[in-house]
Amino acid sequence: MSGSLLDAGAVIGCPHGGRVMPATTPTGGTRIAGAAVATAAHAYVVTGCPHIVDRVPSPCVSVRWTADDVGVTVDGAAVLLDTCAAQCFTAAFVPQGPPVVQAAQRKVTVR
């Protein structure tokens, strides 16, 4: 799998405009321009999702990333690329769609 490596400063949103943020701060010795490399070991939450279904709020609250086939690890965890499969979920674990990674300056590309 190839793509751009995500770091703690990556701007990520849910498909409805909410903001995706690490619930656990990416830490460790591996950094890109001072920001910790994001890995599948970190949990991600969504804030500010305005999604409504049949007049009932149904916001995205979490994101699950699938980074098993990346082939690059940091501290034993697969790194996250802007091309990794991911899914946003409601509190009831209903899939809401993939997160949107904002185009940013590509610092490191994995091929």
PDB file of N, CA and C in Angstrom:
ATOM      1  N   MET A   1       0.861  -1.176   0.000  1.00  0.00           N
ATOM      2  CA  MET A   1       0.000   0.000   0.000  1.00  0.00           C
ATOM      3  C   MET A   1       0.900   1.229   0.000  1.00  0.00           C
ATOM      4  N   SER A   2       0.497   2.252  -0.720  1.00  0.00           N
ATOM      5  CA  SER A   2       1.263   3.496  -0.724  1.00  0.00           C
ATOM      6  C   SER A   2       0.359   4.662  -0.353  1.00  0.00           C
ATOM      7  N   GLY A   3       0.974   5.733   0.099  1.00  0.00           N
ATOM      8  CA  GLY A   3       0.234   6.922   0.493  1.00  0.00           C
ATOM      9  C   GLY A   3       1.113   7.828   1.320  1.00  0.00           C
ATOM     10  N   SER A   4       0.549   8.917   1.780  1.00  0.00           N
ATOM     11  CA  SER A   4       1.287   9.861   2.616  1.00  0.00           C
ATOM     12  C   SER A   4       1.082   9.514   4.089  1.00  0.00           C
ATOM     13  N   LEU A   5       2.171   9.525   4.830  1.00  0.00           N
ATOM     14  CA  LEU A   5       2.146   9.230   6.254  1.00  0.00           C
ATOM     15  C   LEU A   5       1.397  10.314   7.003  1.00  0.00           C
ATOM     16  N   LEU A   6       0.480   9.912   7.891  1.00  0.00           N
ATOM     17  CA  LEU A   6      -0.256  10.882   8.706  1.00  0.00           C
ATOM     18  C   LEU A   6       0.497  11.121  10.012  1.00  0.00           C
ATOM     19  N   ASP A   7       0.444  12.348  10.475  1.00  0.00           N
ATOM     20  CA  ASP A   7       1.043  12.661  11.764  1.00  0.00           C
ATOM     21  C   ASP A   7      -0.014  13.281  12.672  1.00  0.00           C
ATOM     22  N   ALA A   8       0.389  13.602  13.891  1.00  0.00           N
ATOM     23  CA  ALA A   8      -0.559  14.126  14.880  1.00  0.00           C
ATOM     24  C   ALA A   8      -1.183  15.444  14.443  1.00  0.00           C
ATOM     25  N   GLY A   9      -0.600  16.131  13.488  1.00  0.00           N
ATOM     26  CA  GLY A   9      -1.137  17.404  13.025  1.00  0.00           C
ATOM     27  C   GLY A   9      -2.041  17.295  11.804  1.00  0.00           C
ATOM     28  N   ALA A  10      -2.311  16.084  11.333  1.00  0.00           N
ATOM     29  CA  ALA A  10      -3.152  15.903  10.144  1.00  0.00           C
ATOM     30  C   ALA A  10      -4.564  16.421  10.415  1.00  0.00           C
ATOM     31  N   VAL A  11      -5.151  17.061   9.412  1.00  0.00           N
ATOM     32  CA  VAL A  11      -6.520  17.572   9.523  1.00  0.00           C
ATOM     33  C   VAL A  11      -7.448  16.526   8.907  1.00  0.00           C
ATOM     34  N   ILE A  12      -8.279  15.924   9.771  1.00  0.00           N
ATOM     35  CA  ILE A  12      -9.166  14.841   9.355  1.00  0.00           C
ATOM     36  C   ILE A  12     -10.576  15.172   9.824  1.00  0.00           C
ATOM     37  N   GLY A  13     -11.566  14.897   8.977  1.00  0.00           N
ATOM     38  CA  GLY A  13     -12.961  15.148   9.341  1.00  0.00           C
ATOM     39  C   GLY A  13     -13.821  13.938   9.052  1.00  0.00           C
ATOM     40  N   CYS A  14     -15.007  13.919   9.638  1.00  0.00           N
ATOM     41  CA  CYS A  14     -15.973  12.867   9.317  1.00  0.00           C
ATOM     42  C   CYS A  14     -16.671  13.289   8.019  1.00  0.00           C
ATOM     43  N   PRO A  15     -17.448  12.413   7.381  1.00  0.00           N
ATOM     44  CA  PRO A  15     -18.095  12.771   6.118  1.00  0.00           C
ATOM     45  C   PRO A  15     -19.142  13.878   6.249  1.00  0.00           C
ATOM     46  N   HIS A  16     -19.506  14.248   7.486  1.00  0.00           N
ATOM     47  CA  HIS A  16     -20.547  15.263   7.701  1.00  0.00           C
ATOM     48  C   HIS A  16     -19.985  16.587   8.204  1.00  0.00           C
ATOM     49  N   GLY A  17     -18.676  16.678   8.307  1.00  0.00           N
ATOM     50  CA  GLY A  17     -18.058  17.931   8.727  1.00  0.00           C
ATOM     51  C   GLY A  17     -17.560  17.984  10.150  1.00  0.00           C
ATOM     52  N   GLY A  18     -17.699  16.898  10.909  1.00  0.00           N
ATOM     53  CA  GLY A  18     -17.138  16.849  12.257  1.00  0.00           C
ATOM     54  C   GLY A  18     -15.624  16.745  12.192  1.00  0.00           C
ATOM     55  N   ARG A  19     -14.966  16.990  13.289  1.00  0.00           N
ATOM     56  CA  ARG A  19     -13.509  16.951  13.332  1.00  0.00           C
ATOM     57  C   ARG A  19     -13.033  15.676  14.014  1.00  0.00           C
ATOM     58  N   VAL A  20     -12.099  14.988  13.367  1.00  0.00           N
ATOM     59  CA  VAL A  20     -11.508  13.772  13.912  1.00  0.00           C
ATOM     60  C   VAL A  20     -10.235  14.163  14.646  1.00  0.00           C
ATOM     61  N   MET A  21     -10.150  13.705  15.911  1.00  0.00           N
ATOM     62  CA  MET A  21      -8.991  14.029  16.738  1.00  0.00           C
ATOM     63  C   MET A  21      -8.517  12.766  17.449  1.00  0.00           C
ATOM     64  N   PRO A  22      -7.230  12.682  17.708  1.00  0.00           N
ATOM     65  CA  PRO A  22      -6.753  11.527  18.481  1.00  0.00           C
ATOM     66  C   PRO A  22      -7.306  11.575  19.901  1.00  0.00           C
ATOM     67  N   ALA A  23      -7.862  10.460  20.369  1.00  0.00           N
ATOM     68  CA  ALA A  23      -8.320  10.360  21.755  1.00  0.00           C
ATOM     69  C   ALA A  23      -7.128  10.075  22.654  1.00  0.00           C
ATOM     70  N   THR A  24      -6.155   9.387  22.076  1.00  0.00           N
ATOM     71  CA  THR A  24      -4.897   9.145  22.759  1.00  0.00           C
ATOM     72  C   THR A  24      -3.832   9.870  21.956  1.00  0.00           C
ATOM     73  N   THR A  25      -3.018  10.630  22.620  1.00  0.00           N
ATOM     74  CA  THR A  25      -2.014  11.433  21.927  1.00  0.00           C
ATOM     75  C   THR A  25      -0.928  10.547  21.361  1.00  0.00           C
ATOM     76  N   PRO A  26      -0.702  10.646  20.029  1.00  0.00           N
ATOM     77  CA  PRO A  26       0.412   9.903  19.452  1.00  0.00           C
ATOM     78  C   PRO A  26       1.715  10.374  20.090  1.00  0.00           C
ATOM     79  N   THR A  27       2.447   9.431  20.628  1.00  0.00           N
ATOM     80  CA  THR A  27       3.731   9.746  21.245  1.00  0.00           C
ATOM     81  C   THR A  27       4.776   8.811  20.681  1.00  0.00           C
ATOM     82  N   GLY A  28       5.960   8.951  21.145  1.00  0.00           N
ATOM     83  CA  GLY A  28       7.028   8.071  20.691  1.00  0.00           C
ATOM     84  C   GLY A  28       8.139   8.880  20.068  1.00  0.00           C
ATOM     85  N   GLY A  29       9.184   8.183  19.729  1.00  0.00           N
ATOM     86  CA  GLY A  29      10.370   8.848  19.222  1.00  0.00           C
ATOM     87  C   GLY A  29      10.304   9.200  17.750  1.00  0.00           C
ATOM     88  N   THR A  30       9.377   8.623  16.998  1.00  0.00           N
ATOM     89  CA  THR A  30       9.333   8.879  15.558  1.00  0.00           C
ATOM     90  C   THR A  30       8.432  10.072  15.284  1.00  0.00           C
ATOM     91  N   ARG A  31       9.019  11.083  14.664  1.00  0.00           N
ATOM     92  CA  ARG A  31       8.291  12.326  14.401  1.00  0.00           C
ATOM     93  C   ARG A  31       8.535  12.786  12.964  1.00  0.00           C
ATOM     94  N   ILE A  32       7.570  13.552  12.457  1.00  0.00           N
ATOM     95  CA  ILE A  32       7.691  14.188  11.147  1.00  0.00           C
ATOM     96  C   ILE A  32       7.549  15.680  11.388  1.00  0.00           C
ATOM     97  N   ALA A  33       8.574  16.422  11.090  1.00  0.00           N
ATOM     98  CA  ALA A  33       8.569  17.881  11.301  1.00  0.00           C
ATOM     99  C   ALA A  33       8.056  18.230  12.698  1.00  0.00           C
ATOM    100  N   GLY A  34       8.456  17.446  13.699  1.00  0.00           N
ATOM    101  CA  GLY A  34       8.090  17.712  15.082  1.00  0.00           C
ATOM    102  C   GLY A  34       6.801  17.077  15.553  1.00  0.00           C
ATOM    103  N   ALA A  35       5.981  16.540  14.655  1.00  0.00           N
ATOM    104  CA  ALA A  35       4.706  15.931  15.032  1.00  0.00           C
ATOM    105  C   ALA A  35       4.850  14.407  15.072  1.00  0.00           C
ATOM    106  N   ALA A  36       4.266  13.781  16.082  1.00  0.00           N
ATOM    107  CA  ALA A  36       4.332  12.325  16.225  1.00  0.00           C
ATOM    108  C   ALA A  36       3.620  11.630  15.070  1.00  0.00           C
ATOM    109  N   VAL A  37       4.170  10.503  14.636  1.00  0.00           N
ATOM    110  CA  VAL A  37       3.565   9.705  13.572  1.00  0.00           C
ATOM    111  C   VAL A  37       2.292   9.053  14.110  1.00  0.00           C
ATOM    112  N   ALA A  38       1.209   9.100  13.338  1.00  0.00           N
ATOM    113  CA  ALA A  38      -0.072   8.483  13.724  1.00  0.00           C
ATOM    114  C   ALA A  38      -0.023   6.989  13.398  1.00  0.00           C
ATOM    115  N   THR A  39      -0.500   6.179  14.345  1.00  0.00           N
ATOM    116  CA  THR A  39      -0.528   4.726  14.133  1.00  0.00           C
ATOM    117  C   THR A  39      -1.914   4.170  14.440  1.00  0.00           C
ATOM    118  N   ALA A  40      -2.111   2.929  14.032  1.00  0.00           N
ATOM    119  CA  ALA A  40      -3.381   2.251  14.281  1.00  0.00           C
ATOM    120  C   ALA A  40      -3.580   1.951  15.762  1.00  0.00           C
ATOM    121  N   ALA A  41      -2.543   2.100  16.575  1.00  0.00           N
ATOM    122  CA  ALA A  41      -2.669   1.854  18.009  1.00  0.00           C
ATOM    123  C   ALA A  41      -3.377   2.985  18.734  1.00  0.00           C
ATOM    124  N   HIS A  42      -3.519   4.128  18.096  1.00  0.00           N
ATOM    125  CA  HIS A  42      -4.162   5.280  18.723  1.00  0.00           C
ATOM    126  C   HIS A  42      -5.661   5.262  18.446  1.00  0.00           C
ATOM    127  N   ALA A  43      -6.437   5.689  19.427  1.00  0.00           N
ATOM    128  CA  ALA A  43      -7.886   5.795  19.265  1.00  0.00           C
ATOM    129  C   ALA A  43      -8.215   7.186  18.725  1.00  0.00           C
ATOM    130  N   TYR A  44      -9.260   7.279  17.909  1.00  0.00           N
ATOM    131  CA  TYR A  44      -9.668   8.552  17.319  1.00  0.00           C
ATOM    132  C   TYR A  44     -11.139   8.812  17.607  1.00  0.00           C
ATOM    133  N   VAL A  45     -11.455  10.045  17.990  1.00  0.00           N
ATOM    134  CA  VAL A  45     -12.834  10.442  18.274  1.00  0.00           C
ATOM    135  C   VAL A  45     -13.250  11.545  17.307  1.00  0.00           C
ATOM    136  N   VAL A  46     -14.562  11.710  17.169  1.00  0.00           N
ATOM    137  CA  VAL A  46     -15.111  12.754  16.301  1.00  0.00           C
ATOM    138  C   VAL A  46     -15.876  13.739  17.180  1.00  0.00           C
ATOM    139  N   THR A  47     -15.650  15.018  16.966  1.00  0.00           N
ATOM    140  CA  THR A  47     -16.398  16.059  17.678  1.00  0.00           C
ATOM    141  C   THR A  47     -17.103  16.945  16.664  1.00  0.00           C
ATOM    142  N   GLY A  48     -18.258  17.437  17.038  1.00  0.00           N
ATOM    143  CA  GLY A  48     -18.972  18.401  16.211  1.00  0.00           C
ATOM    144  C   GLY A  48     -19.651  17.856  14.977  1.00  0.00           C
ATOM    145  N   CYS A  49     -19.938  16.566  14.938  1.00  0.00           N
ATOM    146  CA  CYS A  49     -20.629  16.002  13.776  1.00  0.00           C
ATOM    147  C   CYS A  49     -22.114  16.376  13.841  1.00  0.00           C
ATOM    148  N   PRO A  50     -22.647  17.024  12.790  1.00  0.00           N
ATOM    149  CA  PRO A  50     -24.045  17.464  12.806  1.00  0.00           C
ATOM    150  C   PRO A  50     -25.035  16.472  12.188  1.00  0.00           C
ATOM    151  N   HIS A  51     -24.594  15.248  11.903  1.00  0.00           N
ATOM    152  CA  HIS A  51     -25.431  14.302  11.156  1.00  0.00           C
ATOM    153  C   HIS A  51     -26.747  13.994  11.875  1.00  0.00           C
ATOM    154  N   ILE A  52     -27.843  14.015  11.098  1.00  0.00           N
ATOM    155  CA  ILE A  52     -29.188  13.731  11.610  1.00  0.00           C
ATOM    156  C   ILE A  52     -29.857  12.733  10.670  1.00  0.00           C
ATOM    157  N   VAL A  53     -30.515  11.724  11.242  1.00  0.00           N
ATOM    158  CA  VAL A  53     -31.267  10.735  10.463  1.00  0.00           C
ATOM    159  C   VAL A  53     -32.702  10.754  10.964  1.00  0.00           C
ATOM    160  N   ASP A  54     -33.640  11.040  10.073  1.00  0.00           N
ATOM    161  CA  ASP A  54     -35.064  11.108  10.429  1.00  0.00           C
ATOM    162  C   ASP A  54     -35.308  12.004  11.645  1.00  0.00           C
ATOM    163  N   ARG A  55     -34.701  13.167  11.619  1.00  0.00           N
ATOM    164  CA  ARG A  55     -34.828  14.188  12.672  1.00  0.00           C
ATOM    165  C   ARG A  55     -34.238  13.768  14.025  1.00  0.00           C
ATOM    166  N   VAL A  56     -33.455  12.707  14.026  1.00  0.00           N
ATOM    167  CA  VAL A  56     -32.792  12.252  15.256  1.00  0.00           C
ATOM    168  C   VAL A  56     -31.285  12.424  15.084  1.00  0.00           C
ATOM    169  N   PRO A  57     -30.630  13.125  16.011  1.00  0.00           N
ATOM    170  CA  PRO A  57     -29.173  13.260  15.902  1.00  0.00           C
ATOM    171  C   PRO A  57     -28.499  11.887  15.861  1.00  0.00           C
ATOM    172  N   SER A  58     -27.604  11.717  14.909  1.00  0.00           N
ATOM    173  CA  SER A  58     -26.869  10.464  14.742  1.00  0.00           C
ATOM    174  C   SER A  58     -25.423  10.799  14.390  1.00  0.00           C
ATOM    175  N   PRO A  59     -24.738  11.492  15.305  1.00  0.00           N
ATOM    176  CA  PRO A  59     -23.397  11.970  14.975  1.00  0.00           C
ATOM    177  C   PRO A  59     -22.341  10.867  14.960  1.00  0.00           C
ATOM    178  N   CYS A  60     -21.316  11.087  14.162  1.00  0.00           N
ATOM    179  CA  CYS A  60     -20.131  10.244  14.217  1.00  0.00           C
ATOM    180  C   CYS A  60     -19.434  10.546  15.546  1.00  0.00           C
ATOM    181  N   VAL A  61     -18.939   9.507  16.213  1.00  0.00           N
ATOM    182  CA  VAL A  61     -18.238   9.720  17.486  1.00  0.00           C
ATOM    183  C   VAL A  61     -16.860   9.058  17.533  1.00  0.00           C
ATOM    184  N   SER A  62     -16.606   8.117  16.619  1.00  0.00           N
ATOM    185  CA  SER A  62     -15.304   7.451  16.621  1.00  0.00           C
ATOM    186  C   SER A  62     -14.914   7.040  15.212  1.00  0.00           C
ATOM    187  N   VAL A  63     -13.633   6.717  15.064  1.00  0.00           N
ATOM    188  CA  VAL A  63     -13.098   6.254  13.774  1.00  0.00           C
ATOM    189  C   VAL A  63     -12.266   5.006  14.038  1.00  0.00           C
ATOM    190  N   ARG A  64     -12.451   4.011  13.191  1.00  0.00           N
ATOM    191  CA  ARG A  64     -11.603   2.818  13.223  1.00  0.00           C
ATOM    192  C   ARG A  64     -10.822   2.761  11.922  1.00  0.00           C
ATOM    193  N   TRP A  65      -9.511   2.632  12.047  1.00  0.00           N
ATOM    194  CA  TRP A  65      -8.608   2.561  10.897  1.00  0.00           C
ATOM    195  C   TRP A  65      -8.190   1.119  10.669  1.00  0.00           C
ATOM    196  N   THR A  66      -8.009   0.752   9.406  1.00  0.00           N
ATOM    197  CA  THR A  66      -7.476  -0.554   9.031  1.00  0.00           C
ATOM    198  C   THR A  66      -6.155  -0.294   8.335  1.00  0.00           C
ATOM    199  N   ALA A  67      -5.074  -0.570   9.055  1.00  0.00           N
ATOM    200  CA  ALA A  67      -3.755  -0.272   8.513  1.00  0.00           C
ATOM    201  C   ALA A  67      -2.863  -1.503   8.496  1.00  0.00           C
ATOM    202  N   ASP A  68      -3.466  -2.687   8.549  1.00  0.00           N
ATOM    203  CA  ASP A  68      -2.693  -3.922   8.668  1.00  0.00           C
ATOM    204  C   ASP A  68      -1.764  -4.190   7.492  1.00  0.00           C
ATOM    205  N   ASP A  69      -2.140  -3.764   6.294  1.00  0.00           N
ATOM    206  CA  ASP A  69      -1.351  -4.094   5.108  1.00  0.00           C
ATOM    207  C   ASP A  69      -0.380  -2.995   4.684  1.00  0.00           C
ATOM    208  N   VAL A  70      -0.126  -2.028   5.550  1.00  0.00           N
ATOM    209  CA  VAL A  70       0.788  -0.937   5.212  1.00  0.00           C
ATOM    210  C   VAL A  70       2.222  -1.441   5.100  1.00  0.00           C
ATOM    211  N   GLY A  71       2.627  -2.305   6.029  1.00  0.00           N
ATOM    212  CA  GLY A  71       3.972  -2.850   5.995  1.00  0.00           C
ATOM    213  C   GLY A  71       5.007  -2.006   6.721  1.00  0.00           C
ATOM    214  N   VAL A  72       4.626  -0.854   7.239  1.00  0.00           N
ATOM    215  CA  VAL A  72       5.535   0.015   7.985  1.00  0.00           C
ATOM    216  C   VAL A  72       4.970   0.166   9.384  1.00  0.00           C
ATOM    217  N   THR A  73       5.817  -0.010  10.396  1.00  0.00           N
ATOM    218  CA  THR A  73       5.365   0.109  11.770  1.00  0.00           C
ATOM    219  C   THR A  73       6.225   1.095  12.554  1.00  0.00           C
ATOM    220  N   VAL A  74       5.641   1.639  13.611  1.00  0.00           N
ATOM    221  CA  VAL A  74       6.339   2.476  14.582  1.00  0.00           C
ATOM    222  C   VAL A  74       5.997   1.893  15.943  1.00  0.00           C
ATOM    223  N   ASP A  75       7.000   1.539  16.702  1.00  0.00           N
ATOM    224  CA  ASP A  75       6.801   0.918  18.014  1.00  0.00           C
ATOM    225  C   ASP A  75       5.865  -0.285  17.922  1.00  0.00           C
ATOM    226  N   GLY A  76       5.950  -1.049  16.824  1.00  0.00           N
ATOM    227  CA  GLY A  76       5.154  -2.260  16.649  1.00  0.00           C
ATOM    228  C   GLY A  76       3.750  -2.056  16.121  1.00  0.00           C
ATOM    229  N   ALA A  77       3.323  -0.814  15.908  1.00  0.00           N
ATOM    230  CA  ALA A  77       1.969  -0.536  15.399  1.00  0.00           C
ATOM    231  C   ALA A  77       2.053  -0.020  13.964  1.00  0.00           C
ATOM    232  N   ALA A  78       1.106  -0.456  13.131  1.00  0.00           N
ATOM    233  CA  ALA A  78       1.076  -0.005  11.740  1.00  0.00           C
ATOM    234  C   ALA A  78       0.850   1.498  11.673  1.00  0.00           C
ATOM    235  N   VAL A  79       1.609   2.170  10.802  1.00  0.00           N
ATOM    236  CA  VAL A  79       1.417   3.609  10.624  1.00  0.00           C
ATOM    237  C   VAL A  79       0.143   3.851   9.834  1.00  0.00           C
ATOM    238  N   LEU A  80      -0.420   5.051   9.963  1.00  0.00           N
ATOM    239  CA  LEU A  80      -1.607   5.423   9.196  1.00  0.00           C
ATOM    240  C   LEU A  80      -1.185   6.247   7.991  1.00  0.00           C
ATOM    241  N   LEU A  81      -1.730   5.883   6.849  1.00  0.00           N
ATOM    242  CA  LEU A  81      -1.513   6.618   5.610  1.00  0.00           C
ATOM    243  C   LEU A  81      -2.819   7.273   5.201  1.00  0.00           C
ATOM    244  N   ASP A  82      -2.735   8.293   4.369  1.00  0.00           N
ATOM    245  CA  ASP A  82      -3.962   8.946   3.904  1.00  0.00           C
ATOM    246  C   ASP A  82      -4.791   8.029   3.011  1.00  0.00           C
ATOM    247  N   THR A  83      -4.248   6.878   2.638  1.00  0.00           N
ATOM    248  CA  THR A  83      -4.958   5.918   1.788  1.00  0.00           C
ATOM    249  C   THR A  83      -5.473   4.702   2.561  1.00  0.00           C
ATOM    250  N   CYS A  84      -5.230   4.636   3.869  1.00  0.00           N
ATOM    251  CA  CYS A  84      -5.703   3.506   4.689  1.00  0.00           C
ATOM    252  C   CYS A  84      -7.226   3.502   4.765  1.00  0.00           C
ATOM    253  N   ALA A  85      -7.782   2.305   4.774  1.00  0.00           N
ATOM    254  CA  ALA A  85      -9.232   2.182   4.940  1.00  0.00           C
ATOM    255  C   ALA A  85      -9.606   2.586   6.358  1.00  0.00           C
ATOM    256  N   ALA A  86     -10.724   3.287   6.484  1.00  0.00           N
ATOM    257  CA  ALA A  86     -11.209   3.720   7.798  1.00  0.00           C
ATOM    258  C   ALA A  86     -12.713   3.906   7.714  1.00  0.00           C
ATOM    259  N   GLN A  87     -13.349   3.909   8.882  1.00  0.00           N
ATOM    260  CA  GLN A  87     -14.798   4.063   8.954  1.00  0.00           C
ATOM    261  C   GLN A  87     -15.150   4.877  10.194  1.00  0.00           C
ATOM    262  N   CYS A  88     -16.052   5.835  10.023  1.00  0.00           N
ATOM    263  CA  CYS A  88     -16.595   6.592  11.153  1.00  0.00           C
ATOM    264  C   CYS A  88     -17.822   5.842  11.675  1.00  0.00           C
ATOM    265  N   PHE A  89     -18.035   5.896  13.003  1.00  0.00           N
ATOM    266  CA  PHE A  89     -19.142   5.186  13.623  1.00  0.00           C
ATOM    267  C   PHE A  89     -19.912   6.091  14.576  1.00  0.00           C
ATOM    268  N   THR A  90     -21.205   5.765  14.767  1.00  0.00           N
ATOM    269  CA  THR A  90     -22.017   6.420  15.790  1.00  0.00           C
ATOM    270  C   THR A  90     -21.700   5.767  17.131  1.00  0.00           C
ATOM    271  N   ALA A  91     -22.307   6.275  18.203  1.00  0.00           N
ATOM    272  CA  ALA A  91     -22.131   5.676  19.524  1.00  0.00           C
ATOM    273  C   ALA A  91     -22.671   4.250  19.560  1.00  0.00           C
ATOM    274  N   ALA A  92     -23.653   3.930  18.681  1.00  0.00           N
ATOM    275  CA  ALA A  92     -24.221   2.586  18.601  1.00  0.00           C
ATOM    276  C   ALA A  92     -23.461   1.712  17.597  1.00  0.00           C
ATOM    277  N   PHE A  93     -22.282   2.170  17.160  1.00  0.00           N
ATOM    278  CA  PHE A  93     -21.422   1.465  16.208  1.00  0.00           C
ATOM    279  C   PHE A  93     -22.048   1.271  14.829  1.00  0.00           C
ATOM    280  N   VAL A  94     -22.887   2.234  14.416  1.00  0.00           N
ATOM    281  CA  VAL A  94     -23.451   2.226  13.068  1.00  0.00           C
ATOM    282  C   VAL A  94     -22.444   2.904  12.146  1.00  0.00           C
ATOM    283  N   PRO A  95     -22.021   2.245  11.058  1.00  0.00           N
ATOM    284  CA  PRO A  95     -21.066   2.862  10.140  1.00  0.00           C
ATOM    285  C   PRO A  95     -21.673   4.092   9.468  1.00  0.00           C
ATOM    286  N   GLN A  96     -20.872   5.163   9.371  1.00  0.00           N
ATOM    287  CA  GLN A  96     -21.350   6.433   8.819  1.00  0.00           C
ATOM    288  C   GLN A  96     -20.600   6.853   7.559  1.00  0.00           C
ATOM    289  N   GLY A  97     -19.554   6.144   7.193  1.00  0.00           N
ATOM    290  CA  GLY A  97     -18.760   6.507   6.035  1.00  0.00           C
ATOM    291  C   GLY A  97     -17.322   6.757   6.423  1.00  0.00           C
ATOM    292  N   PRO A  98     -16.461   6.860   5.420  1.00  0.00           N
ATOM    293  CA  PRO A  98     -15.033   7.046   5.697  1.00  0.00           C
ATOM    294  C   PRO A  98     -14.701   8.482   6.098  1.00  0.00           C
ATOM    295  N   PRO A  99     -13.655   8.634   6.912  1.00  0.00           N
ATOM    296  CA  PRO A  99     -13.213   9.987   7.241  1.00  0.00           C
ATOM    297  C   PRO A  99     -12.578  10.645   6.021  1.00  0.00           C
ATOM    298  N   VAL A 100     -12.493  11.958   6.065  1.00  0.00           N
ATOM    299  CA  VAL A 100     -11.915  12.725   4.970  1.00  0.00           C
ATOM    300  C   VAL A 100     -10.605  13.325   5.466  1.00  0.00           C
ATOM    301  N   VAL A 101      -9.506  12.970   4.800  1.00  0.00           N
ATOM    302  CA  VAL A 101      -8.200  13.517   5.151  1.00  0.00           C
ATOM    303  C   VAL A 101      -7.957  14.716   4.239  1.00  0.00           C
ATOM    304  N   GLN A 102      -7.767  15.879   4.853  1.00  0.00           N
ATOM    305  CA  GLN A 102      -7.536  17.098   4.084  1.00  0.00           C
ATOM    306  C   GLN A 102      -6.194  17.005   3.358  1.00  0.00           C
ATOM    307  N   ALA A 103      -6.184  17.468   2.134  1.00  0.00           N
ATOM    308  CA  ALA A 103      -4.927  17.510   1.385  1.00  0.00           C
ATOM    309  C   ALA A 103      -3.976  18.432   2.132  1.00  0.00           C
ATOM    310  N   ALA A 104      -2.805  17.931   2.386  1.00  0.00           N
ATOM    311  CA  ALA A 104      -1.819  18.714   3.134  1.00  0.00           C
ATOM    312  C   ALA A 104      -0.471  18.547   2.451  1.00  0.00           C
ATOM    313  N   GLN A 105       0.467  19.307   2.894  1.00  0.00           N
ATOM    314  CA  GLN A 105       1.822  19.168   2.369  1.00  0.00           C
ATOM    315  C   GLN A 105       2.296  17.765   2.688  1.00  0.00           C
ATOM    316  N   ARG A 106       2.681  17.032   1.672  1.00  0.00           N
ATOM    317  CA  ARG A 106       3.124  15.672   1.879  1.00  0.00           C
ATOM    318  C   ARG A 106       4.564  15.699   2.376  1.00  0.00           C
ATOM    319  N   LYS A 107       4.757  15.198   3.586  1.00  0.00           N
ATOM    320  CA  LYS A 107       6.070  15.224   4.195  1.00  0.00           C
ATOM    321  C   LYS A 107       6.819  13.910   3.938  1.00  0.00           C
ATOM    322  N   VAL A 108       6.086  12.774   4.050  1.00  0.00           N
ATOM    323  CA  VAL A 108       6.692  11.466   3.844  1.00  0.00           C
ATOM    324  C   VAL A 108       5.702  10.624   3.048  1.00  0.00           C
ATOM    325  N   THR A 109       6.182  10.028   1.963  1.00  0.00           N
ATOM    326  CA  THR A 109       5.360   9.135   1.154  1.00  0.00           C
ATOM    327  C   THR A 109       5.881   7.735   1.308  1.00  0.00           C
ATOM    328  N   VAL A 110       4.980   6.778   1.547  1.00  0.00           N
ATOM    329  CA  VAL A 110       5.325   5.377   1.686  1.00  0.00           C
ATOM    330  C   VAL A 110       4.874   4.683   0.414  1.00  0.00           C
ATOM    331  N   ARG A 111       5.762   3.898  -0.171  1.00  0.00           N
ATOM    332  CA  ARG A 111       5.436   3.168  -1.405  1.00  0.00           C
ATOM    333  C   ARG A 111       5.656   1.694  -1.217  1.00  0.00           C
TER     334      ARG A 111
END
